[in-house]
Amino acid sequence: MYKKPGQQAPPQLVLPKGNQIIGIVIKSLGATNFDVFCSDKKVRRCAIPGRLKRRFWIKENDLVLVTPWPVQGDERGDVVWRYSIMDRELLQKKGFEIPK
């Protein structure tokens, strides 16, 4: 797919790396905090880090990429990416577990 002058290239699919986990936002807690049900069957309280606050607009039932914290990793994490509906299908085709 060619891009026209002044257009951005379509973004690449961001895949989980290292300890990153795919999750679904189950509840918005206000500001930049969310309860996220992760693919390892744990609910984490996640926040959007300061450098990404204005980049994402996250709602309930959105598919997100979570990085667990080094301390309290089973309870807390950071949201580092929000997937689109088309990304969900591509992740399933690549074999990643999508929580329901």
N, C-alpha and C. Protein backbone atom coordinates (compact mmCIF):
# COMPACT_ATOMS: atom_id res chain seq x y z
N MET A 1 0.84 -1.18 0.00
CA MET A 1 0.00 0.00 0.00
C MET A 1 0.89 1.24 0.00
N TYR A 2 0.66 2.08 -0.97
CA TYR A 2 1.44 3.30 -1.09
C TYR A 2 0.78 4.42 -0.30
N LYS A 3 1.61 5.26 0.27
CA LYS A 3 1.05 6.40 0.97
C LYS A 3 1.20 7.66 0.13
N LYS A 4 0.22 8.51 0.24
CA LYS A 4 0.23 9.76 -0.50
C LYS A 4 1.06 10.77 0.29
N PRO A 5 1.57 11.80 -0.38
CA PRO A 5 2.32 12.82 0.34
C PRO A 5 1.46 13.45 1.44
N GLY A 6 2.02 13.58 2.61
CA GLY A 6 1.29 14.19 3.73
C GLY A 6 0.51 13.18 4.56
N GLN A 7 0.47 11.91 4.13
CA GLN A 7 -0.23 10.88 4.89
C GLN A 7 0.76 10.09 5.72
N GLN A 8 0.27 9.57 6.85
CA GLN A 8 1.10 8.70 7.66
C GLN A 8 0.97 7.27 7.17
N ALA A 9 2.01 6.49 7.35
CA ALA A 9 1.95 5.08 6.99
C ALA A 9 1.06 4.35 7.99
N PRO A 10 0.37 3.29 7.59
CA PRO A 10 -0.46 2.55 8.54
C PRO A 10 0.40 1.94 9.64
N PRO A 11 -0.06 2.00 10.88
CA PRO A 11 0.76 1.49 11.99
C PRO A 11 0.91 -0.03 11.93
N GLN A 12 2.04 -0.51 12.37
CA GLN A 12 2.30 -1.94 12.44
C GLN A 12 1.57 -2.53 13.65
N LEU A 13 1.29 -3.81 13.61
CA LEU A 13 0.66 -4.50 14.74
C LEU A 13 1.68 -4.64 15.85
N VAL A 14 1.36 -4.17 17.04
CA VAL A 14 2.25 -4.25 18.20
C VAL A 14 1.99 -5.58 18.89
N LEU A 15 3.01 -6.43 18.99
CA LEU A 15 2.88 -7.74 19.62
C LEU A 15 3.46 -7.70 21.03
N PRO A 16 2.94 -8.53 21.94
CA PRO A 16 3.49 -8.59 23.29
C PRO A 16 4.94 -9.07 23.28
N LYS A 17 5.79 -8.41 24.05
CA LYS A 17 7.19 -8.78 24.17
C LYS A 17 7.52 -9.00 25.64
N GLY A 18 8.35 -9.96 25.92
CA GLY A 18 8.80 -10.20 27.29
C GLY A 18 7.65 -10.57 28.21
N ASN A 19 7.44 -9.76 29.24
CA ASN A 19 6.38 -10.06 30.22
C ASN A 19 5.07 -9.34 29.93
N GLN A 20 4.92 -8.73 28.76
CA GLN A 20 3.69 -8.00 28.44
C GLN A 20 2.54 -8.97 28.21
N ILE A 21 1.32 -8.53 28.56
CA ILE A 21 0.13 -9.37 28.53
C ILE A 21 -0.99 -8.61 27.81
N ILE A 22 -1.83 -9.35 27.10
CA ILE A 22 -3.01 -8.77 26.47
C ILE A 22 -4.16 -8.82 27.47
N GLY A 23 -4.96 -7.76 27.54
CA GLY A 23 -6.09 -7.72 28.47
C GLY A 23 -7.25 -6.93 27.91
N ILE A 24 -8.39 -7.06 28.59
CA ILE A 24 -9.60 -6.33 28.22
C ILE A 24 -9.99 -5.42 29.39
N VAL A 25 -10.27 -4.16 29.07
CA VAL A 25 -10.67 -3.19 30.10
C VAL A 25 -12.08 -3.55 30.56
N ILE A 26 -12.24 -3.82 31.87
CA ILE A 26 -13.56 -4.17 32.38
C ILE A 26 -14.23 -3.00 33.10
N LYS A 27 -13.42 -2.03 33.57
CA LYS A 27 -14.01 -0.90 34.27
C LYS A 27 -13.06 0.29 34.23
N SER A 28 -13.62 1.46 33.95
CA SER A 28 -12.86 2.69 34.00
C SER A 28 -13.01 3.28 35.40
N LEU A 29 -11.89 3.60 36.03
CA LEU A 29 -11.90 4.08 37.41
C LEU A 29 -11.69 5.59 37.50
N GLY A 30 -11.67 6.27 36.37
CA GLY A 30 -11.46 7.71 36.39
C GLY A 30 -10.02 8.06 36.12
N ALA A 31 -9.80 9.25 35.64
CA ALA A 31 -8.48 9.75 35.26
C ALA A 31 -7.86 8.79 34.26
N THR A 32 -6.75 8.17 34.60
CA THR A 32 -6.09 7.25 33.68
C THR A 32 -6.00 5.85 34.27
N ASN A 33 -6.90 5.50 35.17
CA ASN A 33 -6.85 4.19 35.83
C ASN A 33 -7.99 3.29 35.35
N PHE A 34 -7.67 2.00 35.22
CA PHE A 34 -8.62 1.02 34.72
C PHE A 34 -8.43 -0.31 35.41
N ASP A 35 -9.50 -1.10 35.52
CA ASP A 35 -9.39 -2.50 35.90
C ASP A 35 -9.34 -3.28 34.60
N VAL A 36 -8.32 -4.13 34.46
CA VAL A 36 -8.10 -4.87 33.23
C VAL A 36 -8.04 -6.36 33.55
N PHE A 37 -8.86 -7.16 32.83
CA PHE A 37 -8.82 -8.61 32.94
C PHE A 37 -7.80 -9.11 31.93
N CYS A 38 -6.71 -9.71 32.43
CA CYS A 38 -5.59 -10.10 31.57
C CYS A 38 -5.71 -11.55 31.12
N SER A 39 -4.93 -11.91 30.11
CA SER A 39 -4.99 -13.25 29.54
C SER A 39 -4.45 -14.32 30.50
N ASP A 40 -3.78 -13.93 31.58
CA ASP A 40 -3.33 -14.90 32.58
C ASP A 40 -4.36 -15.06 33.71
N LYS A 41 -5.61 -14.64 33.44
CA LYS A 41 -6.77 -14.79 34.33
C LYS A 41 -6.66 -13.98 35.62
N LYS A 42 -5.94 -12.87 35.59
CA LYS A 42 -5.82 -11.98 36.75
C LYS A 42 -6.40 -10.61 36.39
N VAL A 43 -7.00 -9.96 37.38
CA VAL A 43 -7.49 -8.60 37.19
C VAL A 43 -6.45 -7.66 37.78
N ARG A 44 -5.97 -6.75 36.95
CA ARG A 44 -4.96 -5.79 37.39
C ARG A 44 -5.52 -4.38 37.33
N ARG A 45 -5.12 -3.56 38.27
CA ARG A 45 -5.43 -2.13 38.24
C ARG A 45 -4.31 -1.47 37.45
N CYS A 46 -4.65 -0.96 36.28
CA CYS A 46 -3.65 -0.43 35.36
C CYS A 46 -3.82 1.07 35.17
N ALA A 47 -2.72 1.71 34.85
CA ALA A 47 -2.71 3.15 34.60
C ALA A 47 -2.02 3.42 33.28
N ILE A 48 -2.35 4.55 32.67
CA ILE A 48 -1.63 4.98 31.48
C ILE A 48 -0.46 5.83 31.95
N PRO A 49 0.77 5.48 31.58
CA PRO A 49 1.92 6.27 32.02
C PRO A 49 1.84 7.70 31.48
N GLY A 50 2.49 8.63 32.15
CA GLY A 50 2.43 10.04 31.80
C GLY A 50 2.80 10.36 30.37
N ARG A 51 3.79 9.65 29.81
CA ARG A 51 4.23 9.95 28.45
C ARG A 51 3.20 9.54 27.41
N LEU A 52 2.21 8.71 27.79
CA LEU A 52 1.20 8.22 26.85
C LEU A 52 -0.21 8.74 27.14
N LYS A 53 -0.38 9.58 28.15
CA LYS A 53 -1.71 10.00 28.59
C LYS A 53 -2.57 10.60 27.49
N ARG A 54 -2.00 11.43 26.66
CA ARG A 54 -2.80 12.11 25.62
C ARG A 54 -2.88 11.32 24.33
N ARG A 55 -2.23 10.18 24.25
CA ARG A 55 -2.20 9.40 23.03
C ARG A 55 -3.37 8.42 22.93
N PHE A 56 -3.84 7.90 24.06
CA PHE A 56 -4.88 6.87 24.06
C PHE A 56 -6.20 7.40 24.57
N TRP A 57 -7.28 6.94 23.99
CA TRP A 57 -8.63 7.18 24.49
C TRP A 57 -9.22 5.81 24.70
N ILE A 58 -9.29 5.36 25.95
CA ILE A 58 -9.65 3.98 26.26
C ILE A 58 -11.03 3.93 26.90
N LYS A 59 -11.84 2.96 26.44
CA LYS A 59 -13.18 2.74 26.97
C LYS A 59 -13.27 1.30 27.47
N GLU A 60 -14.41 0.98 28.11
CA GLU A 60 -14.63 -0.40 28.55
C GLU A 60 -14.70 -1.32 27.35
N ASN A 61 -14.27 -2.55 27.51
CA ASN A 61 -14.23 -3.61 26.49
C ASN A 61 -13.17 -3.38 25.42
N ASP A 62 -12.27 -2.42 25.60
CA ASP A 62 -11.17 -2.24 24.66
C ASP A 62 -10.08 -3.28 24.96
N LEU A 63 -9.41 -3.72 23.91
CA LEU A 63 -8.31 -4.66 24.03
C LEU A 63 -7.02 -3.85 24.18
N VAL A 64 -6.25 -4.13 25.23
CA VAL A 64 -5.05 -3.34 25.52
C VAL A 64 -3.86 -4.26 25.78
N LEU A 65 -2.68 -3.69 25.69
CA LEU A 65 -1.44 -4.37 26.02
C LEU A 65 -0.96 -3.84 27.35
N VAL A 66 -0.72 -4.74 28.31
CA VAL A 66 -0.38 -4.36 29.68
C VAL A 66 1.03 -4.84 30.01
N THR A 67 1.81 -3.96 30.65
CA THR A 67 3.11 -4.33 31.20
C THR A 67 2.97 -4.37 32.72
N PRO A 68 3.06 -5.55 33.35
CA PRO A 68 2.96 -5.61 34.82
C PRO A 68 4.12 -4.89 35.49
N TRP A 69 3.84 -4.32 36.64
CA TRP A 69 4.88 -3.64 37.39
C TRP A 69 5.86 -4.66 37.95
N PRO A 70 7.13 -4.26 38.16
CA PRO A 70 8.09 -5.19 38.77
C PRO A 70 7.69 -5.58 40.20
N VAL A 71 7.14 -4.62 40.94
CA VAL A 71 6.63 -4.89 42.28
C VAL A 71 5.12 -4.90 42.18
N GLN A 72 4.45 -5.80 42.84
CA GLN A 72 2.99 -5.96 42.77
C GLN A 72 2.55 -6.27 41.34
N GLY A 73 3.32 -7.06 40.62
CA GLY A 73 3.02 -7.38 39.23
C GLY A 73 1.72 -8.14 39.03
N ASP A 74 1.24 -8.85 40.06
CA ASP A 74 -0.03 -9.58 39.96
C ASP A 74 -1.23 -8.66 40.17
N GLU A 75 -1.00 -7.45 40.69
CA GLU A 75 -2.10 -6.55 41.02
C GLU A 75 -2.10 -5.25 40.20
N ARG A 76 -0.92 -4.81 39.74
CA ARG A 76 -0.82 -3.51 39.08
C ARG A 76 -0.08 -3.63 37.76
N GLY A 77 -0.30 -2.64 36.88
CA GLY A 77 0.39 -2.62 35.59
C GLY A 77 0.19 -1.30 34.87
N ASP A 78 0.83 -1.19 33.72
CA ASP A 78 0.72 0.00 32.87
C ASP A 78 0.12 -0.41 31.53
N VAL A 79 -0.80 0.42 31.03
CA VAL A 79 -1.36 0.21 29.69
C VAL A 79 -0.40 0.87 28.71
N VAL A 80 0.18 0.08 27.79
CA VAL A 80 1.16 0.64 26.86
C VAL A 80 0.64 0.70 25.42
N TRP A 81 -0.50 0.06 25.12
CA TRP A 81 -1.05 0.11 23.77
C TRP A 81 -2.52 -0.25 23.79
N ARG A 82 -3.31 0.36 22.89
CA ARG A 82 -4.72 -0.01 22.70
C ARG A 82 -4.86 -0.56 21.30
N TYR A 83 -5.46 -1.76 21.21
CA TYR A 83 -5.65 -2.42 19.92
C TYR A 83 -6.99 -2.01 19.31
N SER A 84 -7.04 -2.00 17.97
CA SER A 84 -8.29 -1.74 17.27
C SER A 84 -9.04 -3.05 17.07
N ILE A 85 -10.24 -2.98 16.51
CA ILE A 85 -11.04 -4.18 16.26
C ILE A 85 -10.34 -5.10 15.27
N MET A 86 -9.73 -4.53 14.25
CA MET A 86 -9.02 -5.34 13.25
C MET A 86 -7.78 -5.99 13.86
N ASP A 87 -7.13 -5.32 14.80
CA ASP A 87 -5.97 -5.89 15.47
C ASP A 87 -6.36 -7.13 16.26
N ARG A 88 -7.56 -7.13 16.85
CA ARG A 88 -8.03 -8.28 17.63
C ARG A 88 -8.04 -9.54 16.75
N GLU A 89 -8.57 -9.40 15.54
CA GLU A 89 -8.63 -10.54 14.62
C GLU A 89 -7.23 -11.01 14.23
N LEU A 90 -6.32 -10.07 13.97
CA LEU A 90 -4.96 -10.43 13.60
C LEU A 90 -4.23 -11.14 14.74
N LEU A 91 -4.45 -10.68 15.98
CA LEU A 91 -3.83 -11.33 17.13
C LEU A 91 -4.34 -12.76 17.29
N GLN A 92 -5.64 -12.98 17.08
CA GLN A 92 -6.19 -14.32 17.16
C GLN A 92 -5.59 -15.22 16.08
N LYS A 93 -5.42 -14.69 14.88
CA LYS A 93 -4.82 -15.48 13.79
C LYS A 93 -3.38 -15.84 14.10
N LYS A 94 -2.66 -14.96 14.80
CA LYS A 94 -1.27 -15.22 15.15
C LYS A 94 -1.14 -16.16 16.35
N GLY A 95 -2.27 -16.51 17.00
CA GLY A 95 -2.24 -17.49 18.08
C GLY A 95 -2.18 -16.92 19.47
N PHE A 96 -2.37 -15.62 19.64
CA PHE A 96 -2.36 -15.03 20.98
C PHE A 96 -3.72 -15.25 21.64
N GLU A 97 -3.69 -15.51 22.94
CA GLU A 97 -4.93 -15.73 23.70
C GLU A 97 -5.58 -14.38 24.01
N ILE A 98 -6.83 -14.24 23.62
CA ILE A 98 -7.61 -13.03 23.88
C ILE A 98 -8.58 -13.34 25.00
N PRO A 99 -8.49 -12.64 26.15
CA PRO A 99 -9.43 -12.91 27.25
C PRO A 99 -10.85 -12.53 26.87
N LYS A 100 -11.82 -13.23 27.42
CA LYS A 100 -13.23 -12.97 27.11
C LYS A 100 -13.96 -12.44 28.31
